[in-house]
Each structure stands twice: as C-alpha cells, then as structure tokens.
C-alpha atoms as a PDB file:
ATOM      1  CA  MET A   1     -57.832   8.311 -30.384  1.00  0.00           C
ATOM      2  CA  SER A   2     -58.203  10.528 -27.581  1.00  0.00           C
ATOM      3  CA  ASP A   3     -61.221   8.948 -26.648  1.00  0.00           C
ATOM      4  CA  ASP A   4     -59.606   5.481 -26.884  1.00  0.00           C
ATOM      5  CA  ILE A   5     -56.845   6.638 -24.385  1.00  0.00           C
ATOM      6  CA  TRP A   6     -59.476   8.100 -21.881  1.00  0.00           C
ATOM      7  CA  GLY A   7     -61.429   4.741 -22.226  1.00  0.00           C
ATOM      8  CA  TRP A   8     -58.314   2.690 -21.443  1.00  0.00           C
ATOM      9  CA  LEU A   9     -57.306   4.965 -18.340  1.00  0.00           C
ATOM     10  CA  ARG A  10     -61.042   4.533 -17.090  1.00  0.00           C
ATOM     11  CA  PHE A  11     -60.617   0.791 -17.421  1.00  0.00           C
ATOM     12  CA  GLY A  12     -57.058   0.926 -15.702  1.00  0.00           C
ATOM     13  CA  MET A  13     -58.726   3.196 -12.673  1.00  0.00           C
ATOM     14  CA  ASN A  14     -61.261   0.759 -12.492  1.00  0.00           C
ATOM     15  CA  CYS A  15     -59.139  -1.749 -12.233  1.00  0.00           C
ATOM     16  CA  LEU A  16     -56.520  -0.209  -9.810  1.00  0.00           C
ATOM     17  CA  SER A  17     -59.693   0.947  -7.405  1.00  0.00           C
ATOM     18  CA  THR A  18     -60.986  -2.778  -7.312  1.00  0.00           C
ATOM     19  CA  ILE A  19     -57.677  -4.306  -6.921  1.00  0.00           C
ATOM     20  CA  GLY A  20     -57.033  -1.251  -3.968  1.00  0.00           C
ATOM     21  CA  GLY A  21     -59.956  -1.973  -2.286  1.00  0.00           C
ATOM     22  CA  GLY A  22     -59.415  -5.845  -2.492  1.00  0.00           C
ATOM     23  CA  VAL A  23     -55.925  -5.097  -0.876  1.00  0.00           C
ATOM     24  CA  VAL A  24     -57.527  -2.694   1.644  1.00  0.00           C
ATOM     25  CA  LEU A  25     -60.428  -5.356   2.962  1.00  0.00           C
ATOM     26  CA  TRP A  26     -57.704  -7.885   2.785  1.00  0.00           C
ATOM     27  CA  GLY A  27     -55.510  -5.728   5.068  1.00  0.00           C
ATOM     28  CA  ILE A  28     -58.812  -4.978   7.210  1.00  0.00           C
ATOM     29  CA  TRP A  29     -59.305  -8.659   7.993  1.00  0.00           C
ATOM     30  CA  SER A  30     -55.578  -9.683   8.179  1.00  0.00           C
ATOM     31  CA  LEU A  31     -55.529  -6.718  11.070  1.00  0.00           C
ATOM     32  CA  LYS A  32     -58.665  -8.150  12.758  1.00  0.00           C
ATOM     33  CA  LYS A  33     -56.942 -11.558  12.911  1.00  0.00           C
ATOM     34  CA  SER A  34     -53.901 -10.282  14.094  1.00  0.00           C
ATOM     35  CA  PHE A  35     -55.478  -8.060  17.116  1.00  0.00           C
ATOM     36  CA  VAL A  36     -57.338  -9.378  20.109  1.00  0.00           C
ATOM     37  CA  SER A  37     -60.989  -7.102  20.301  1.00  0.00           C
ATOM     38  CA  HIS A  38     -61.778  -6.019  23.421  1.00  0.00           C
ATOM     39  CA  LYS A  39     -64.756  -8.337  24.086  1.00  0.00           C
ATOM     40  CA  ASP A  40     -62.292 -11.201  23.445  1.00  0.00           C
ATOM     41  CA  CYS A  41     -59.812  -9.668  26.101  1.00  0.00           C
ATOM     42  CA  ASP A  42     -62.194  -9.226  28.546  1.00  0.00           C
ATOM     43  CA  ASN A  43     -63.345 -12.629  28.484  1.00  0.00           C
ATOM     44  CA  CYS A  44     -60.068 -14.161  28.708  1.00  0.00           C
ATOM     45  CA  ARG A  45     -59.297 -11.737  31.986  1.00  0.00           C
ATOM     46  CA  LYS A  46     -62.316 -13.295  33.538  1.00  0.00           C
ATOM     47  CA  GLU A  47     -61.402 -16.571  32.852  1.00  0.00           C
ATOM     48  CA  ILE A  48     -58.134 -16.028  34.590  1.00  0.00           C
ATOM     49  CA  THR A  49     -59.402 -14.519  37.326  1.00  0.00           C
ATOM     50  CA  GLN A  50     -61.804 -17.200  37.815  1.00  0.00           C
ATOM     51  CA  LYS A  51     -59.379 -19.871  37.508  1.00  0.00           C
ATOM     52  CA  THR A  52     -56.735 -18.160  39.887  1.00  0.00           C
ATOM     53  CA  THR A  53     -59.292 -17.722  42.446  1.00  0.00           C
ATOM     54  CA  ASP A  54     -60.229 -21.364  42.257  1.00  0.00           C
ATOM     55  CA  LEU A  55     -56.407 -21.930  42.373  1.00  0.00           C
ATOM     56  CA  GLY A  56     -56.182 -20.031  45.765  1.00  0.00           C
ATOM     57  CA  HIS A  57     -59.220 -21.602  47.519  1.00  0.00           C
ATOM     58  CA  ARG A  58     -57.353 -25.316  46.207  1.00  0.00           C
ATOM     59  CA  VAL A  59     -53.856 -24.176  47.984  1.00  0.00           C
ATOM     60  CA  THR A  60     -55.747 -23.008  51.033  1.00  0.00           C
ATOM     61  CA  GLN A  61     -57.589 -26.219  51.315  1.00  0.00           C
ATOM     62  CA  ASN A  62     -54.443 -28.359  50.851  1.00  0.00           C
ATOM     63  CA  GLU A  63     -52.613 -25.972  53.418  1.00  0.00           C
ATOM     64  CA  ASN A  64     -55.427 -26.841  55.982  1.00  0.00           C
ATOM     65  CA  ALA A  65     -54.907 -30.152  55.495  1.00  0.00           C
ATOM     66  CA  LEU A  66     -51.512 -30.045  55.813  1.00  0.00           C
ATOM     67  CA  GLU A  67     -51.325 -28.274  59.003  1.00  0.00           C
ATOM     68  CA  HIS A  68     -52.819 -31.512  60.714  1.00  0.00           C
ATOM     69  CA  LEU A  69     -50.196 -33.765  59.332  1.00  0.00           C
ATOM     70  CA  PRO A  70     -47.299 -34.886  62.006  1.00  0.00           C
ATOM     71  CA  THR A  71     -44.216 -33.146  61.964  1.00  0.00           C
ATOM     72  CA  LYS A  72     -40.883 -34.295  60.891  1.00  0.00           C
ATOM     73  CA  ASP A  73     -39.873 -34.541  64.431  1.00  0.00           C
ATOM     74  CA  SER A  74     -43.195 -36.465  65.495  1.00  0.00           C
ATOM     75  CA  THR A  75     -42.528 -38.676  62.753  1.00  0.00           C
ATOM     76  CA  HIS A  76     -39.181 -39.502  63.880  1.00  0.00           C
ATOM     77  CA  LYS A  77     -40.075 -40.063  67.749  1.00  0.00           C
ATOM     78  CA  LEU A  78     -42.569 -42.539  66.390  1.00  0.00           C
ATOM     79  CA  GLU A  79     -40.187 -44.207  64.265  1.00  0.00           C
ATOM     80  CA  LEU A  80     -37.586 -44.533  67.263  1.00  0.00           C
ATOM     81  CA  GLN A  81     -40.773 -45.774  69.537  1.00  0.00           C
ATOM     82  CA  LEU A  82     -41.308 -48.419  66.576  1.00  0.00           C
ATOM     83  CA  ALA A  83     -38.174 -49.548  66.885  1.00  0.00           C
ATOM     84  CA  GLY A  84     -38.098 -49.781  70.484  1.00  0.00           C
ATOM     85  CA  MET A  85     -41.292 -51.806  70.327  1.00  0.00           C
ATOM     86  CA  ARG A  86     -39.595 -54.122  67.765  1.00  0.00           C
ATOM     87  CA  GLY A  87     -36.877 -55.090  69.991  1.00  0.00           C
ATOM     88  CA  ASP A  88     -39.628 -55.553  73.071  1.00  0.00           C
ATOM     89  CA  LEU A  89     -41.513 -57.955  70.498  1.00  0.00           C
ATOM     90  CA  LYS A  90     -38.256 -60.130  69.871  1.00  0.00           C
ATOM     91  CA  VAL A  91     -37.623 -60.410  73.715  1.00  0.00           C
ATOM     92  CA  LEU A  92     -41.111 -61.750  73.881  1.00  0.00           C
ATOM     93  CA  THR A  93     -40.853 -64.048  71.232  1.00  0.00           C
ATOM     94  CA  GLU A  94     -37.959 -65.556  72.555  1.00  0.00           C
ATOM     95  CA  LYS A  95     -39.422 -65.440  76.276  1.00  0.00           C
ATOM     96  CA  ILE A  96     -42.432 -66.940  74.535  1.00  0.00           C
ATOM     97  CA  GLY A  97     -40.310 -69.992  72.686  1.00  0.00           C
ATOM     98  CA  SER A  98     -38.846 -70.753  76.325  1.00  0.00           C
ATOM     99  CA  VAL A  99     -42.367 -70.988  78.282  1.00  0.00           C
ATOM    100  CA  GLU A 100     -43.556 -73.191  75.449  1.00  0.00           C
ATOM    101  CA  ALA A 101     -40.338 -75.553  76.163  1.00  0.00           C
ATOM    102  CA  ILE A 102     -41.400 -75.160  79.559  1.00  0.00           C
ATOM    103  CA  ASN A 103     -44.598 -76.155  78.743  1.00  0.00           C
ATOM    104  CA  GLN A 104     -43.765 -79.207  76.796  1.00  0.00           C
ATOM    105  CA  GLN A 105     -41.491 -80.607  79.800  1.00  0.00           C
ATOM    106  CA  VAL A 106     -44.274 -80.460  81.932  1.00  0.00           C
ATOM    107  CA  GLY A 107     -46.557 -81.817  79.165  1.00  0.00           C
ATOM    108  CA  ARG A 108     -44.182 -84.825  79.232  1.00  0.00           C
ATOM    109  CA  ILE A 109     -43.778 -85.237  83.078  1.00  0.00           C
ATOM    110  CA  GLU A 110     -47.730 -84.962  83.679  1.00  0.00           C
ATOM    111  CA  GLU A 111     -48.061 -87.740  80.885  1.00  0.00           C
ATOM    112  CA  TYR A 112     -45.690 -89.869  82.742  1.00  0.00           C
ATOM    113  CA  LEU A 113     -46.789 -89.663  85.855  1.00  0.00           C
ATOM    114  CA  LEU A 114     -50.528 -90.293  84.448  1.00  0.00           C
ATOM    115  CA  ASN A 115     -49.263 -93.231  82.621  1.00  0.00           C
ATOM    116  CA  ASN A 116     -47.059 -94.681  85.771  1.00  0.00           C
ATOM    117  CA  LYS A 117     -49.539 -94.209  88.471  1.00  0.00           C
ATOM    118  CA  ARG A 118     -48.434 -96.069  91.901  1.00  0.00           C
ATOM    119  CA  GLY A 119     -50.845 -97.592  94.075  1.00  0.00           C
END
C-alpha cells in the first residue's frame, strides 16, 4: 500500500509540475504581450521623432508662405479703394449714358441734314 501512495504522490507531483509549467509559460507570454520591448520602443521613438521633424518643416514652410500674404490693414485699404472705384464706375456709367443720348441726338440731326439738303 505504501507503494501505491508513493505512486499516486509521484503522479500528482508530475501533474502539478506540468500544470505549473504551463501556468508559468502562460504568465511569461502574457507579460510579453503586456509590456513593450526595448526594440519596439526605440522604433516607435524614431518614428515619432521623424514625424515631429517633418511636421516642424511643414510649419516652417507655412509660416514662410504666410509672410508674403497681405495683412489685415492692407486688405482693408484695398477694400476701401475698390469701393471708391465702384463709385467712380457708377459716375462713368451715367456719363456714358448721357454721351450716348447726345450721340443719338447728333445722329438724328446729321440724318436730318443729309436727307433735307438745300441747294
């Protein structure tokens, strides 16, 4: 009977060590999935550094492009000048209309004189 108990104890210990080994392997695998390796961290850091550098270049390019654009004050001056030109165009349009009316009257007088020649 003593041999039977020792046999069962050995069997139980073998089962426990197998299960324990599996649990340890599962724990190691879980930790590896939970934490980032140094290699992955370095790769990510390099990628972020590169993107930050590229973004800095793009911001600089945009700032340089914006330097050449007109300011708020110069744009306002242009708006005022355009408003003045609109007024001038309205006056010119009215004058052209009166010149056309005079031109029509001169044309009628000329036609009358040509059609009613004396002599």
